[in-house]
Structure formats: C-alpha cells, structure tokens
C-alpha atoms as a PDB file:
ATOM      1  CA  MET A   1       0.255   0.007   0.005  1.00  0.00           C
ATOM      2  CA  GLU A   2       3.054   2.497   0.452  1.00  0.00           C
ATOM      3  CA  GLY A   3       3.113   2.025  -3.232  1.00  0.00           C
ATOM      4  CA  ALA A   4       0.081   3.033  -3.893  1.00  0.00           C
ATOM      5  CA  ALA A   5       0.220   5.882  -1.403  1.00  0.00           C
ATOM      6  CA  ARG A   6       3.734   7.183  -3.100  1.00  0.00           C
ATOM      7  CA  VAL A   7       2.139   6.744  -7.165  1.00  0.00           C
ATOM      8  CA  ILE A   8      -0.839   8.518  -6.113  1.00  0.00           C
ATOM      9  CA  ALA A   9       1.142  11.353  -4.173  1.00  0.00           C
ATOM     10  CA  ARG A  10       3.207  11.532  -7.414  1.00  0.00           C
ATOM     11  CA  ARG A  11       0.656  11.184 -10.326  1.00  0.00           C
ATOM     12  CA  GLY A  12      -2.637  11.624  -8.740  1.00  0.00           C
ATOM     13  CA  VAL A  13      -5.229   9.323  -9.439  1.00  0.00           C
ATOM     14  CA  ARG A  14      -5.830  10.006 -12.594  1.00  0.00           C
ATOM     15  CA  GLY A  15      -2.131   9.277 -13.386  1.00  0.00           C
ATOM     16  CA  LEU A  16      -2.295   5.906 -11.207  1.00  0.00           C
ATOM     17  CA  ARG A  17      -1.734   3.022 -13.698  1.00  0.00           C
ATOM     18  CA  VAL A  18      -1.856  -0.575 -12.333  1.00  0.00           C
ATOM     19  CA  GLU A  19       1.481  -1.465 -14.185  1.00  0.00           C
ATOM     20  CA  GLU A  20       3.789   1.656 -12.200  1.00  0.00           C
ATOM     21  CA  LEU A  21       1.817   0.679  -8.999  1.00  0.00           C
ATOM     22  CA  ALA A  22       2.957  -3.139  -9.665  1.00  0.00           C
ATOM     23  CA  ALA A  23       6.368  -1.836 -10.363  1.00  0.00           C
ATOM     24  CA  GLU A  24       6.481   0.045  -7.813  1.00  0.00           C
ATOM     25  CA  ALA A  25       5.721  -2.530  -4.947  1.00  0.00           C
ATOM     26  CA  GLY A  26       7.768  -4.811  -6.863  1.00  0.00           C
ATOM     27  CA  VAL A  27       5.000  -7.394  -7.664  1.00  0.00           C
ATOM     28  CA  SER A  28       3.060  -8.299 -10.979  1.00  0.00           C
ATOM     29  CA  THR A  29      -0.193  -6.730 -12.144  1.00  0.00           C
ATOM     30  CA  ALA A  30      -1.806  -9.750 -11.790  1.00  0.00           C
ATOM     31  CA  LEU A  31      -1.256 -10.177  -7.655  1.00  0.00           C
ATOM     32  CA  ILE A  32      -2.467  -6.419  -7.963  1.00  0.00           C
ATOM     33  CA  TYR A  33      -5.595  -7.303  -9.768  1.00  0.00           C
ATOM     34  CA  TYR A  34      -5.969 -10.704  -7.410  1.00  0.00           C
ATOM     35  CA  HIS A  35      -6.094  -8.760  -4.205  1.00  0.00           C
ATOM     36  CA  PHE A  36      -7.876  -5.560  -5.107  1.00  0.00           C
ATOM     37  CA  LYS A  37     -10.027  -7.033  -8.079  1.00  0.00           C
ATOM     38  CA  ASP A  38     -10.012  -3.600  -9.645  1.00  0.00           C
ATOM     39  CA  ARG A  39      -8.878   0.172  -9.542  1.00  0.00           C
ATOM     40  CA  ALA A  40     -11.526   1.126  -6.965  1.00  0.00           C
ATOM     41  CA  GLY A  41     -10.871  -1.483  -4.901  1.00  0.00           C
ATOM     42  CA  ILE A  42      -7.104  -0.041  -5.292  1.00  0.00           C
ATOM     43  CA  LEU A  43      -8.031   3.205  -4.156  1.00  0.00           C
ATOM     44  CA  ARG A  44     -10.169   1.899  -0.894  1.00  0.00           C
ATOM     45  CA  ALA A  45      -7.248   0.096  -0.026  1.00  0.00           C
ATOM     46  CA  THR A  46      -5.209   3.121  -0.437  1.00  0.00           C
ATOM     47  CA  LEU A  47      -7.348   5.399   1.718  1.00  0.00           C
ATOM     48  CA  GLU A  48      -7.877   2.958   4.394  1.00  0.00           C
ATOM     49  CA  PHE A  49      -3.710   2.644   4.693  1.00  0.00           C
ATOM     50  CA  ILE A  50      -3.063   6.491   4.676  1.00  0.00           C
ATOM     51  CA  ASN A  51      -5.706   7.296   7.070  1.00  0.00           C
ATOM     52  CA  ASP A  52      -4.565   4.255   9.139  1.00  0.00           C
ATOM     53  CA  ARG A  53      -0.709   5.670   8.694  1.00  0.00           C
ATOM     54  CA  ALA A  54      -2.073   9.535   9.574  1.00  0.00           C
ATOM     55  CA  GLY A  55      -3.570   7.663  12.819  1.00  0.00           C
ATOM     56  CA  ARG A  56      -0.108   6.616  13.936  1.00  0.00           C
ATOM     57  CA  TYR A  57       2.005   9.386  13.500  1.00  0.00           C
ATOM     58  CA  THR A  58      -0.780  11.805  14.903  1.00  0.00           C
ATOM     59  CA  THR A  59      -1.110  10.012  17.900  1.00  0.00           C
ATOM     60  CA  GLU A  60       2.343   8.095  18.818  1.00  0.00           C
ATOM     61  CA  ARG A  61       4.437   9.583  21.459  1.00  0.00           C
ATOM     62  CA  GLU A  62       7.831   9.176  22.784  1.00  0.00           C
ATOM     63  CA  PRO A  63       8.029   6.796  25.529  1.00  0.00           C
ATOM     64  CA  ASP A  64       9.787   9.214  27.730  1.00  0.00           C
ATOM     65  CA  ALA A  65       7.754  12.274  26.768  1.00  0.00           C
ATOM     66  CA  PRO A  66       6.174  13.893  29.878  1.00  0.00           C
ATOM     67  CA  PRO A  67       2.165  13.654  29.753  1.00  0.00           C
ATOM     68  CA  LEU A  68       0.125  16.044  27.836  1.00  0.00           C
ATOM     69  CA  ASP A  69      -2.615  17.961  29.388  1.00  0.00           C
ATOM     70  CA  ALA A  70      -5.671  17.963  26.999  1.00  0.00           C
ATOM     71  CA  GLN A  71      -4.973  21.285  25.515  1.00  0.00           C
ATOM     72  CA  GLY A  72      -1.362  20.112  24.775  1.00  0.00           C
ATOM     73  CA  GLU A  73      -2.889  17.026  23.106  1.00  0.00           C
ATOM     74  CA  LEU A  74      -4.737  18.637  20.794  1.00  0.00           C
ATOM     75  CA  GLU A  75      -2.504  20.730  19.770  1.00  0.00           C
ATOM     76  CA  GLU A  76       0.290  18.115  19.036  1.00  0.00           C
ATOM     77  CA  THR A  77      -2.479  15.846  17.090  1.00  0.00           C
ATOM     78  CA  LEU A  78      -3.303  18.454  14.680  1.00  0.00           C
ATOM     79  CA  LEU A  79       0.042  19.990  14.230  1.00  0.00           C
ATOM     80  CA  LEU A  80       1.645  16.601  13.818  1.00  0.00           C
ATOM     81  CA  GLU A  81      -0.177  16.542  10.413  1.00  0.00           C
ATOM     82  CA  PHE A  82       2.193  19.217   9.276  1.00  0.00           C
ATOM     83  CA  GLN A  83       5.591  17.405  10.081  1.00  0.00           C
ATOM     84  CA  ASP A  84       8.152  17.986   7.459  1.00  0.00           C
ATOM     85  CA  SER A  85       8.776  13.953   6.890  1.00  0.00           C
ATOM     86  CA  PRO A  86       8.451  12.621   3.228  1.00  0.00           C
ATOM     87  CA  GLU A  87       5.829   9.957   5.135  1.00  0.00           C
ATOM     88  CA  VAL A  88       3.349  12.827   5.978  1.00  0.00           C
ATOM     89  CA  ARG A  89       3.673  14.912   3.018  1.00  0.00           C
ATOM     90  CA  GLU A  90       3.036  11.777   0.727  1.00  0.00           C
ATOM     91  CA  ASN A  91       0.289  10.983   2.950  1.00  0.00           C
ATOM     92  CA  SER A  92      -1.212  14.409   2.608  1.00  0.00           C
ATOM     93  CA  THR A  93      -0.579  14.606  -0.947  1.00  0.00           C
ATOM     94  CA  ALA A  94      -2.132  11.440  -1.460  1.00  0.00           C
ATOM     95  CA  TRP A  95      -5.183  12.151   0.744  1.00  0.00           C
ATOM     96  CA  GLY A  96      -6.064  15.586  -1.071  1.00  0.00           C
ATOM     97  CA  GLU A  97      -5.802  13.710  -4.533  1.00  0.00           C
ATOM     98  CA  LEU A  98      -8.237  11.127  -3.004  1.00  0.00           C
ATOM     99  CA  ARG A  99     -10.678  13.819  -1.731  1.00  0.00           C
ATOM    100  CA  ALA A 100     -10.685  15.312  -5.409  1.00  0.00           C
ATOM    101  CA  THR A 101     -11.473  12.518  -7.103  1.00  0.00           C
ATOM    102  CA  ALA A 102     -14.050  11.495  -4.452  1.00  0.00           C
ATOM    103  CA  VAL A 103     -16.145  14.400  -5.978  1.00  0.00           C
ATOM    104  CA  PHE A 104     -16.811  12.241  -9.528  1.00  0.00           C
ATOM    105  CA  ASP A 105     -16.589   8.742  -7.742  1.00  0.00           C
ATOM    106  CA  PRO A 106     -19.799   8.331  -5.218  1.00  0.00           C
ATOM    107  CA  ASP A 107     -18.203   5.236  -3.775  1.00  0.00           C
ATOM    108  CA  LEU A 108     -15.057   6.938  -3.026  1.00  0.00           C
ATOM    109  CA  ARG A 109     -16.980   9.431  -1.579  1.00  0.00           C
ATOM    110  CA  GLU A 110     -18.967   7.535   0.808  1.00  0.00           C
ATOM    111  CA  ASP A 111     -15.475   5.935   1.770  1.00  0.00           C
ATOM    112  CA  LEU A 112     -14.031   9.430   2.284  1.00  0.00           C
ATOM    113  CA  ALA A 113     -16.761  10.880   4.048  1.00  0.00           C
ATOM    114  CA  ARG A 114     -16.585   8.199   6.632  1.00  0.00           C
ATOM    115  CA  ALA A 115     -12.749   8.463   7.553  1.00  0.00           C
ATOM    116  CA  THR A 116     -13.443  12.405   7.875  1.00  0.00           C
ATOM    117  CA  LEU A 117     -16.631  11.803  10.228  1.00  0.00           C
ATOM    118  CA  VAL A 118     -14.139   9.829  12.189  1.00  0.00           C
ATOM    119  CA  TRP A 119     -11.454  12.272  11.998  1.00  0.00           C
ATOM    120  CA  VAL A 120     -13.814  15.097  13.294  1.00  0.00           C
ATOM    121  CA  GLN A 121     -15.263  12.782  16.116  1.00  0.00           C
ATOM    122  CA  GLU A 122     -11.511  12.166  17.461  1.00  0.00           C
ATOM    123  CA  VAL A 123     -10.876  16.088  17.228  1.00  0.00           C
ATOM    124  CA  GLY A 124     -14.141  16.861  18.840  1.00  0.00           C
ATOM    125  CA  GLU A 125     -13.486  14.507  21.882  1.00  0.00           C
ATOM    126  CA  LEU A 126     -10.006  16.131  22.343  1.00  0.00           C
ATOM    127  CA  LEU A 127     -12.293  19.385  22.301  1.00  0.00           C
ATOM    128  CA  GLY A 128     -14.143  18.149  24.991  1.00  0.00           C
ATOM    129  CA  ARG A 129     -11.223  17.821  27.119  1.00  0.00           C
ATOM    130  CA  VAL A 130      -9.888  20.889  26.674  1.00  0.00           C
ATOM    131  CA  ARG A 131     -13.843  22.433  27.271  1.00  0.00           C
ATOM    132  CA  PRO A 132     -15.712  20.048  28.964  1.00  0.00           C
ATOM    133  CA  MET A 133     -18.725  22.626  29.355  1.00  0.00           C
ATOM    134  CA  ALA A 134     -18.830  23.059  25.610  1.00  0.00           C
ATOM    135  CA  GLY A 135     -22.006  21.686  24.385  1.00  0.00           C
ATOM    136  CA  ALA A 136     -21.820  18.762  21.752  1.00  0.00           C
ATOM    137  CA  ALA A 137     -22.921  20.955  18.782  1.00  0.00           C
ATOM    138  CA  ALA A 138     -20.175  23.691  19.342  1.00  0.00           C
ATOM    139  CA  LEU A 139     -17.750  20.957  19.582  1.00  0.00           C
ATOM    140  CA  ALA A 140     -18.858  19.335  16.601  1.00  0.00           C
ATOM    141  CA  GLY A 141     -18.414  22.670  14.888  1.00  0.00           C
ATOM    142  CA  ALA A 142     -15.103  23.249  16.033  1.00  0.00           C
ATOM    143  CA  ALA A 143     -14.057  19.776  15.260  1.00  0.00           C
ATOM    144  CA  GLU A 144     -15.233  20.290  11.568  1.00  0.00           C
ATOM    145  CA  ARG A 145     -13.677  23.778  11.031  1.00  0.00           C
ATOM    146  CA  LEU A 146     -10.182  22.668  12.482  1.00  0.00           C
ATOM    147  CA  THR A 147     -10.254  19.414  10.160  1.00  0.00           C
ATOM    148  CA  ALA A 148     -10.966  21.791   7.424  1.00  0.00           C
ATOM    149  CA  LEU A 149      -8.248  24.126   8.131  1.00  0.00           C
ATOM    150  CA  VAL A 150      -5.759  21.013   8.412  1.00  0.00           C
ATOM    151  CA  GLU A 151      -6.906  19.362   5.101  1.00  0.00           C
ATOM    152  CA  GLY A 152      -6.770  23.025   3.520  1.00  0.00           C
ATOM    153  CA  LEU A 153      -3.043  23.733   4.804  1.00  0.00           C
END
C-alpha cells in the first residue's frame, strides 16, 4: 500500500497506472488485480492505508515524553499533520488527491466521508477534554472547522 500512496502522491489518482503500481511494489499486475480486483479496490485500500498511517503518526508519542494536558494533546495531534517528513507529505498529497477524486466517485466519496467523520469525532473528543462544559453542537462545529483547516493547509 505504500507503493500506491507514493504513486498517487506523485501522479495523482488519474495518473495511477496498475503497471506502475506493480513496479513500485515489486509485484506483478496479476497479483495487484488478485488482491484488489479493480481500480476502485486499489483506491479504497489506499485510502484505508493512508488513514491508518495518519492515525499512527498523529498519536505516537515518545515513551519518555512527559504526559500532555488536554490542550497540549489537541495541539500536538493537529500539528503532527504538518510534520516535515516524506511520509506525512506523501500522506497529505495522496489524501488530497483522493478527496478531489471523490467528487466524481460516489463509492470513494462515501469511504472518504466515513474516514473524515471519524477524524472529526476524534478531534471533537479532544476538544471536549479541553472545554468540558461546551455543548456537543459547539464541539462538533469546532471539530469540523479544525479538520477543514488542517486539510486545507
């Protein structure tokens, strides 16, 4: 899946060719089709991969790092989306490409909407720990705005 994320980040979804993906992954095109059936399957699996990878790099902490308070955890989670590392840049680029493609692909749109909803809910939970007396609607709205801001940057 790393190969698919790299190819999508480099060429975009429209530029994704199974032959190039197979070469990037070091496998045959037949194996790609065996596992993913079709292009839509590749896109779904890549979306899941980059979403899981983002979950890892936004939640992993150094074992000896001091514990964070609620606001520190919220800030760090959001700021870790802006790391200057190839993995994060690749993830962000591939996510943007998949989001743009989802406008024209109803199946991908649904998968992406679900992934975004999970992220918004996670940000909302973090906001709730920062502002425990805030109402659910205010937290949800703020979480959506923060998510849109992070995705836009």
